[in-house]
C-alpha atoms as a PDB file:
ATOM      1  CA  UNK A   1      81.564 134.666 147.894  1.00  0.00           C
ATOM      2  CA  UNK A   2      82.925 135.253 144.394  1.00  0.00           C
ATOM      3  CA  UNK A   3      82.201 138.152 142.069  1.00  0.00           C
ATOM      4  CA  UNK A   4      79.018 140.231 142.082  1.00  0.00           C
ATOM      5  CA  UNK A   5      78.377 143.188 139.790  1.00  0.00           C
ATOM      6  CA  UNK A   6      75.175 145.176 140.104  1.00  0.00           C
ATOM      7  CA  UNK A   7      73.984 147.652 137.479  1.00  0.00           C
ATOM      8  CA  UNK A   8      77.501 148.700 136.475  1.00  0.00           C
ATOM      9  CA  UNK A   9      78.042 151.564 134.067  1.00  0.00           C
ATOM     10  CA  UNK A  10      81.254 152.985 132.677  1.00  0.00           C
ATOM     11  CA  UNK A  11      81.349 156.171 130.639  1.00  0.00           C
ATOM     12  CA  UNK A  12      84.188 158.025 128.931  1.00  0.00           C
ATOM     13  CA  UNK A  13      84.376 161.537 127.551  1.00  0.00           C
ATOM     14  CA  UNK A  14      85.905 161.453 124.074  1.00  0.00           C
ATOM     15  CA  UNK A  15      86.115 164.994 122.801  1.00  0.00           C
ATOM     16  CA  UNK A  16      82.608 166.328 123.229  1.00  0.00           C
ATOM     17  CA  UNK A  17      81.037 162.889 123.053  1.00  0.00           C
ATOM     18  CA  UNK A  18      80.007 160.749 126.020  1.00  0.00           C
ATOM     19  CA  UNK A  19      80.743 157.067 125.336  1.00  0.00           C
ATOM     20  CA  UNK A  20      78.969 154.462 127.463  1.00  0.00           C
ATOM     21  CA  UNK A  21      81.285 151.427 127.451  1.00  0.00           C
ATOM     22  CA  UNK A  22      79.181 149.510 129.998  1.00  0.00           C
ATOM     23  CA  UNK A  23      75.448 150.032 130.346  1.00  0.00           C
ATOM     24  CA  UNK A  24      73.769 148.495 133.384  1.00  0.00           C
ATOM     25  CA  UNK A  25      75.819 145.290 133.649  1.00  0.00           C
ATOM     26  CA  UNK A  26      74.763 142.861 136.378  1.00  0.00           C
ATOM     27  CA  UNK A  27      76.779 139.677 136.745  1.00  0.00           C
ATOM     28  CA  UNK A  28      77.411 136.906 139.275  1.00  0.00           C
ATOM     29  CA  UNK A  29      80.406 134.560 139.104  1.00  0.00           C
ATOM     30  CA  UNK A  30      80.754 131.906 141.777  1.00  0.00           C
ATOM     31  CA  UNK A  31      84.014 130.831 143.377  1.00  0.00           C
ATOM     32  CA  UNK A  32      85.654 128.166 141.228  1.00  0.00           C
ATOM     33  CA  UNK A  33      83.529 128.868 138.153  1.00  0.00           C
ATOM     34  CA  UNK A  34      85.024 128.987 134.640  1.00  0.00           C
ATOM     35  CA  UNK A  35      83.272 131.534 132.427  1.00  0.00           C
ATOM     36  CA  UNK A  36      83.980 133.279 129.155  1.00  0.00           C
ATOM     37  CA  UNK A  37      82.820 136.745 128.194  1.00  0.00           C
ATOM     38  CA  UNK A  38      82.454 136.865 124.428  1.00  0.00           C
ATOM     39  CA  UNK A  39      81.831 139.896 122.238  1.00  0.00           C
ATOM     40  CA  UNK A  40      83.048 141.746 119.195  1.00  0.00           C
ATOM     41  CA  UNK A  41      85.517 144.635 119.221  1.00  0.00           C
ATOM     42  CA  UNK A  42      83.911 147.606 120.980  1.00  0.00           C
ATOM     43  CA  UNK A  43      81.349 145.483 122.815  1.00  0.00           C
ATOM     44  CA  UNK A  44      82.643 146.471 126.252  1.00  0.00           C
ATOM     45  CA  UNK A  45      84.375 143.210 127.144  1.00  0.00           C
ATOM     46  CA  UNK A  46      87.814 144.779 127.710  1.00  0.00           C
ATOM     47  CA  UNK A  47      86.296 147.501 129.904  1.00  0.00           C
ATOM     48  CA  UNK A  48      84.547 144.799 131.903  1.00  0.00           C
ATOM     49  CA  UNK A  49      87.834 142.895 132.259  1.00  0.00           C
ATOM     50  CA  UNK A  50      89.638 146.012 133.518  1.00  0.00           C
ATOM     51  CA  UNK A  51      87.007 146.563 136.200  1.00  0.00           C
ATOM     52  CA  UNK A  52      87.012 142.875 137.170  1.00  0.00           C
ATOM     53  CA  UNK A  53      90.793 143.095 137.568  1.00  0.00           C
ATOM     54  CA  UNK A  54      90.635 146.271 139.679  1.00  0.00           C
ATOM     55  CA  UNK A  55      92.579 148.124 136.978  1.00  0.00           C
ATOM     56  CA  UNK A  56      89.696 150.565 136.514  1.00  0.00           C
ATOM     57  CA  UNK A  57      86.571 151.547 138.442  1.00  0.00           C
ATOM     58  CA  UNK A  58      82.985 151.857 137.295  1.00  0.00           C
ATOM     59  CA  UNK A  59      81.175 155.165 136.860  1.00  0.00           C
ATOM     60  CA  UNK A  60      78.157 153.882 138.789  1.00  0.00           C
ATOM     61  CA  UNK A  61      76.831 150.647 140.244  1.00  0.00           C
ATOM     62  CA  UNK A  62      78.575 148.237 142.587  1.00  0.00           C
ATOM     63  CA  UNK A  63      81.297 145.616 142.242  1.00  0.00           C
ATOM     64  CA  UNK A  64      81.710 143.233 145.162  1.00  0.00           C
ATOM     65  CA  UNK A  65      84.716 140.920 145.274  1.00  0.00           C
ATOM     66  CA  UNK A  66      84.480 138.340 148.051  1.00  0.00           C
ATOM     67  CA  UNK A  67      81.860 140.566 149.667  1.00  0.00           C
ATOM     68  CA  UNK A  68      84.030 143.700 149.584  1.00  0.00           C
ATOM     69  CA  UNK A  69      82.760 146.777 147.700  1.00  0.00           C
ATOM     70  CA  UNK A  70      85.709 147.467 145.399  1.00  0.00           C
ATOM     71  CA  UNK A  71      84.566 150.994 144.522  1.00  0.00           C
ATOM     72  CA  UNK A  72      85.146 152.110 148.111  1.00  0.00           C
ATOM     73  CA  UNK A  73      88.751 150.950 148.313  1.00  0.00           C
ATOM     74  CA  UNK A  74      91.936 153.012 148.214  1.00  0.00           C
ATOM     75  CA  UNK A  75      94.481 152.685 145.417  1.00  0.00           C
ATOM     76  CA  UNK A  76      96.823 150.861 147.800  1.00  0.00           C
ATOM     77  CA  UNK A  77      94.126 148.349 148.720  1.00  0.00           C
ATOM     78  CA  UNK A  78      93.273 147.807 145.051  1.00  0.00           C
ATOM     79  CA  UNK A  79      96.950 147.155 144.376  1.00  0.00           C
ATOM     80  CA  UNK A  80      96.994 144.590 147.190  1.00  0.00           C
ATOM     81  CA  UNK A  81      93.961 142.827 145.708  1.00  0.00           C
ATOM     82  CA  UNK A  82      95.575 142.667 142.263  1.00  0.00           C
ATOM     83  CA  UNK A  83      98.762 141.291 143.785  1.00  0.00           C
ATOM     84  CA  UNK A  84      97.199 138.749 146.121  1.00  0.00           C
ATOM     85  CA  UNK A  85      93.897 137.636 144.592  1.00  0.00           C
ATOM     86  CA  UNK A  86      94.171 138.024 140.814  1.00  0.00           C
ATOM     87  CA  UNK A  87      96.445 136.553 138.168  1.00  0.00           C
ATOM     88  CA  UNK A  88      96.469 138.158 134.708  1.00  0.00           C
ATOM     89  CA  UNK A  89      97.091 136.496 131.334  1.00  0.00           C
ATOM     90  CA  UNK A  90      97.369 138.770 128.287  1.00  0.00           C
ATOM     91  CA  UNK A  91      97.113 138.185 124.551  1.00  0.00           C
ATOM     92  CA  UNK A  92     100.558 139.708 123.946  1.00  0.00           C
ATOM     93  CA  UNK A  93     102.208 137.687 126.782  1.00  0.00           C
ATOM     94  CA  UNK A  94     103.769 140.859 128.330  1.00  0.00           C
ATOM     95  CA  UNK A  95     107.041 139.121 129.137  1.00  0.00           C
ATOM     96  CA  UNK A  96     110.201 141.165 129.689  1.00  0.00           C
ATOM     97  CA  UNK A  97     112.599 140.327 126.870  1.00  0.00           C
ATOM     98  CA  UNK A  98     115.804 140.681 128.892  1.00  0.00           C
ATOM     99  CA  UNK A  99     114.695 138.262 131.615  1.00  0.00           C
ATOM    100  CA  UNK A 100     114.645 134.477 131.572  1.00  0.00           C
ATOM    101  CA  UNK A 101     111.413 132.519 131.892  1.00  0.00           C
ATOM    102  CA  UNK A 102     112.175 131.936 135.570  1.00  0.00           C
ATOM    103  CA  UNK A 103     112.911 135.618 136.187  1.00  0.00           C
ATOM    104  CA  UNK A 104     109.682 136.657 134.441  1.00  0.00           C
ATOM    105  CA  UNK A 105     107.668 134.324 136.655  1.00  0.00           C
ATOM    106  CA  UNK A 106     109.530 135.511 139.737  1.00  0.00           C
ATOM    107  CA  UNK A 107     109.045 139.243 139.103  1.00  0.00           C
ATOM    108  CA  UNK A 108     105.566 139.743 140.671  1.00  0.00           C
ATOM    109  CA  UNK A 109     106.713 137.740 143.692  1.00  0.00           C
ATOM    110  CA  UNK A 110     109.551 140.232 144.183  1.00  0.00           C
ATOM    111  CA  UNK A 111     106.980 143.042 144.313  1.00  0.00           C
ATOM    112  CA  UNK A 112     105.199 141.079 147.031  1.00  0.00           C
ATOM    113  CA  UNK A 113     108.495 140.932 148.970  1.00  0.00           C
ATOM    114  CA  UNK A 114     108.491 137.163 149.169  1.00  0.00           C
ATOM    115  CA  UNK A 115     111.929 135.918 150.356  1.00  0.00           C
ATOM    116  CA  UNK A 116     114.319 134.850 147.615  1.00  0.00           C
ATOM    117  CA  UNK A 117     114.409 131.112 148.351  1.00  0.00           C
ATOM    118  CA  UNK A 118     110.632 130.899 148.595  1.00  0.00           C
ATOM    119  CA  UNK A 119     110.275 132.926 145.378  1.00  0.00           C
ATOM    120  CA  UNK A 120     112.518 130.475 143.573  1.00  0.00           C
ATOM    121  CA  UNK A 121     110.533 127.488 144.827  1.00  0.00           C
ATOM    122  CA  UNK A 122     107.207 129.054 143.830  1.00  0.00           C
ATOM    123  CA  UNK A 123     108.472 130.079 140.388  1.00  0.00           C
ATOM    124  CA  UNK A 124     109.980 126.696 139.572  1.00  0.00           C
ATOM    125  CA  UNK A 125     106.807 124.963 140.736  1.00  0.00           C
ATOM    126  CA  UNK A 126     104.713 127.220 138.475  1.00  0.00           C
ATOM    127  CA  UNK A 127     106.955 126.525 135.477  1.00  0.00           C
ATOM    128  CA  UNK A 128     106.751 122.808 136.182  1.00  0.00           C
ATOM    129  CA  UNK A 129     102.947 123.013 136.271  1.00  0.00           C
ATOM    130  CA  UNK A 130     102.920 124.335 132.679  1.00  0.00           C
ATOM    131  CA  UNK A 131     105.557 121.887 131.456  1.00  0.00           C
ATOM    132  CA  UNK A 132     108.393 124.383 131.030  1.00  0.00           C
ATOM    133  CA  UNK A 133     110.828 123.591 133.822  1.00  0.00           C
ATOM    134  CA  UNK A 134     113.428 122.690 131.162  1.00  0.00           C
ATOM    135  CA  UNK A 135     113.108 126.179 129.655  1.00  0.00           C
ATOM    136  CA  UNK A 136     113.560 128.085 132.910  1.00  0.00           C
ATOM    137  CA  UNK A 137     116.783 129.770 131.749  1.00  0.00           C
ATOM    138  CA  UNK A 138     115.499 130.671 128.259  1.00  0.00           C
ATOM    139  CA  UNK A 139     114.558 134.230 127.305  1.00  0.00           C
ATOM    140  CA  UNK A 140     111.287 134.980 125.471  1.00  0.00           C
ATOM    141  CA  UNK A 141     113.050 135.247 122.090  1.00  0.00           C
ATOM    142  CA  UNK A 142     114.199 131.651 122.541  1.00  0.00           C
ATOM    143  CA  UNK A 143     110.652 130.383 123.107  1.00  0.00           C
ATOM    144  CA  UNK A 144     107.742 129.739 120.750  1.00  0.00           C
ATOM    145  CA  UNK A 145     104.541 131.734 121.084  1.00  0.00           C
ATOM    146  CA  UNK A 146     102.842 128.873 122.893  1.00  0.00           C
ATOM    147  CA  UNK A 147     105.770 128.530 125.272  1.00  0.00           C
ATOM    148  CA  UNK A 148     105.756 132.261 125.984  1.00  0.00           C
ATOM    149  CA  UNK A 149     102.065 132.103 126.848  1.00  0.00           C
ATOM    150  CA  UNK A 150     102.729 129.161 129.153  1.00  0.00           C
ATOM    151  CA  UNK A 151     105.379 131.256 130.915  1.00  0.00           C
ATOM    152  CA  UNK A 152     102.756 134.002 131.232  1.00  0.00           C
ATOM    153  CA  UNK A 153     100.359 131.490 132.799  1.00  0.00           C
ATOM    154  CA  UNK A 154     103.077 130.351 135.197  1.00  0.00           C
ATOM    155  CA  UNK A 155     103.624 133.983 136.173  1.00  0.00           C
ATOM    156  CA  UNK A 156      99.875 134.415 136.732  1.00  0.00           C
ATOM    157  CA  UNK A 157      99.542 131.360 138.988  1.00  0.00           C
ATOM    158  CA  UNK A 158     102.880 131.442 140.858  1.00  0.00           C
ATOM    159  CA  UNK A 159     101.430 133.338 143.826  1.00  0.00           C
ATOM    160  CA  UNK A 160      98.384 131.014 143.953  1.00  0.00           C
ATOM    161  CA  UNK A 161      95.699 133.671 143.283  1.00  0.00           C
ATOM    162  CA  UNK A 162      91.999 132.860 143.640  1.00  0.00           C
ATOM    163  CA  UNK A 163      91.045 134.393 140.278  1.00  0.00           C
ATOM    164  CA  UNK A 164      92.637 134.124 136.827  1.00  0.00           C
ATOM    165  CA  UNK A 165      91.664 136.772 134.254  1.00  0.00           C
ATOM    166  CA  UNK A 166      92.643 135.791 130.716  1.00  0.00           C
ATOM    167  CA  UNK A 167      92.332 138.420 127.974  1.00  0.00           C
ATOM    168  CA  UNK A 168      92.315 136.715 124.539  1.00  0.00           C
ATOM    169  CA  UNK A 169      94.913 134.165 125.743  1.00  0.00           C
ATOM    170  CA  UNK A 170      94.916 132.312 122.406  1.00  0.00           C
ATOM    171  CA  UNK A 171      94.688 135.388 120.181  1.00  0.00           C
ATOM    172  CA  UNK A 172      98.336 135.327 119.038  1.00  0.00           C
ATOM    173  CA  UNK A 173      98.698 131.550 118.843  1.00  0.00           C
ATOM    174  CA  UNK A 174      98.222 128.867 116.209  1.00  0.00           C
ATOM    175  CA  UNK A 175      95.418 126.355 116.763  1.00  0.00           C
ATOM    176  CA  UNK A 176      97.641 123.698 118.338  1.00  0.00           C
ATOM    177  CA  UNK A 177      99.256 126.097 120.818  1.00  0.00           C
ATOM    178  CA  UNK A 178      95.865 127.618 121.553  1.00  0.00           C
ATOM    179  CA  UNK A 179      94.451 124.191 122.378  1.00  0.00           C
ATOM    180  CA  UNK A 180      97.332 123.624 124.817  1.00  0.00           C
ATOM    181  CA  UNK A 181      96.584 126.917 126.582  1.00  0.00           C
ATOM    182  CA  UNK A 182      92.880 126.085 126.858  1.00  0.00           C
ATOM    183  CA  UNK A 183      93.813 122.711 128.339  1.00  0.00           C
ATOM    184  CA  UNK A 184      95.928 124.470 130.982  1.00  0.00           C
ATOM    185  CA  UNK A 185      93.064 126.834 131.820  1.00  0.00           C
ATOM    186  CA  UNK A 186      90.707 123.863 132.208  1.00  0.00           C
ATOM    187  CA  UNK A 187      93.219 122.232 134.557  1.00  0.00           C
ATOM    188  CA  UNK A 188      93.351 125.409 136.645  1.00  0.00           C
ATOM    189  CA  UNK A 189      89.560 125.403 136.778  1.00  0.00           C
ATOM    190  CA  UNK A 190      89.528 121.783 137.920  1.00  0.00           C
ATOM    191  CA  UNK A 191      92.009 122.765 140.647  1.00  0.00           C
ATOM    192  CA  UNK A 192      89.435 125.231 141.993  1.00  0.00           C
ATOM    193  CA  UNK A 193      90.518 128.532 140.450  1.00  0.00           C
ATOM    194  CA  UNK A 194      87.919 131.043 139.289  1.00  0.00           C
ATOM    195  CA  UNK A 195      88.610 131.631 135.588  1.00  0.00           C
ATOM    196  CA  UNK A 196      87.228 134.548 133.572  1.00  0.00           C
ATOM    197  CA  UNK A 197      88.316 134.563 129.945  1.00  0.00           C
ATOM    198  CA  UNK A 198      87.628 137.391 127.506  1.00  0.00           C
ATOM    199  CA  UNK A 199      87.460 136.458 123.819  1.00  0.00           C
ATOM    200  CA  UNK A 200      85.831 137.265 120.492  1.00  0.00           C
ATOM    201  CA  UNK A 201      86.290 133.675 119.295  1.00  0.00           C
ATOM    202  CA  UNK A 202      83.147 131.559 119.579  1.00  0.00           C
ATOM    203  CA  UNK A 203      84.994 128.223 119.557  1.00  0.00           C
ATOM    204  CA  UNK A 204      87.318 129.380 122.320  1.00  0.00           C
ATOM    205  CA  UNK A 205      84.380 130.721 124.327  1.00  0.00           C
ATOM    206  CA  UNK A 206      82.628 127.355 124.322  1.00  0.00           C
ATOM    207  CA  UNK A 207      85.472 125.721 126.265  1.00  0.00           C
ATOM    208  CA  UNK A 208      84.225 127.221 129.527  1.00  0.00           C
ATOM    209  CA  UNK A 209      81.446 126.073 131.839  1.00  0.00           C
ATOM    210  CA  UNK A 210      79.378 129.175 131.098  1.00  0.00           C
ATOM    211  CA  UNK A 211      79.319 131.679 128.256  1.00  0.00           C
ATOM    212  CA  UNK A 212      78.365 135.315 128.857  1.00  0.00           C
ATOM    213  CA  UNK A 213      77.700 137.379 125.761  1.00  0.00           C
ATOM    214  CA  UNK A 214      78.176 141.163 125.752  1.00  0.00           C
ATOM    215  CA  UNK A 215      77.095 143.635 123.078  1.00  0.00           C
ATOM    216  CA  UNK A 216      77.025 147.440 123.133  1.00  0.00           C
ATOM    217  CA  UNK A 217      77.990 147.437 126.794  1.00  0.00           C
ATOM    218  CA  UNK A 218      75.132 145.156 127.856  1.00  0.00           C
ATOM    219  CA  UNK A 219      74.930 141.497 128.851  1.00  0.00           C
ATOM    220  CA  UNK A 220      72.632 139.985 126.255  1.00  0.00           C
ATOM    221  CA  UNK A 221      72.355 136.410 127.556  1.00  0.00           C
END
């Protein structure tokens, strides 16, 4: 059933000023589709990503995820959706410096109370899928930027979520490492995952099956 957004708005009060971050956004993303949302800083793309990831809720309009109206759900149910259905990839990697690559991948599985042996199997499999099984015992400081982002991807996919949300996944990487990350995202798409990538980079945006452009809180094509 995928993702369906209907006339979404999101407003913030900043001082005495009302800021409309999203302005009547309607959007359909099918299961297994790979799309990019491209826009400049302040265009509303990060706000859209936060709502897609159930990290924030809209001010008005409807967001249906697999047919379920997200705006009507409790905080506990939203947390369950984030844990079970969505994998997040961030520009800054968000790895914990004191943990090994394996432990970083394993961490969200601990929160899901998956038994230790099964967690280990899932984490090692995820690291193998991104070509980093040999770096399982390395900490982030011992890894290159591209390797850290691959660990972040392994963490995102370890629990086999339906949806991968990638926020500027190549933003802190050189061109070669960025190309490797885009190749991994394409492989995830080919495996049937729904991929939504947020970026300001036009070349990066064109790697997806469909490009959605946002400006001033509105979808413009």
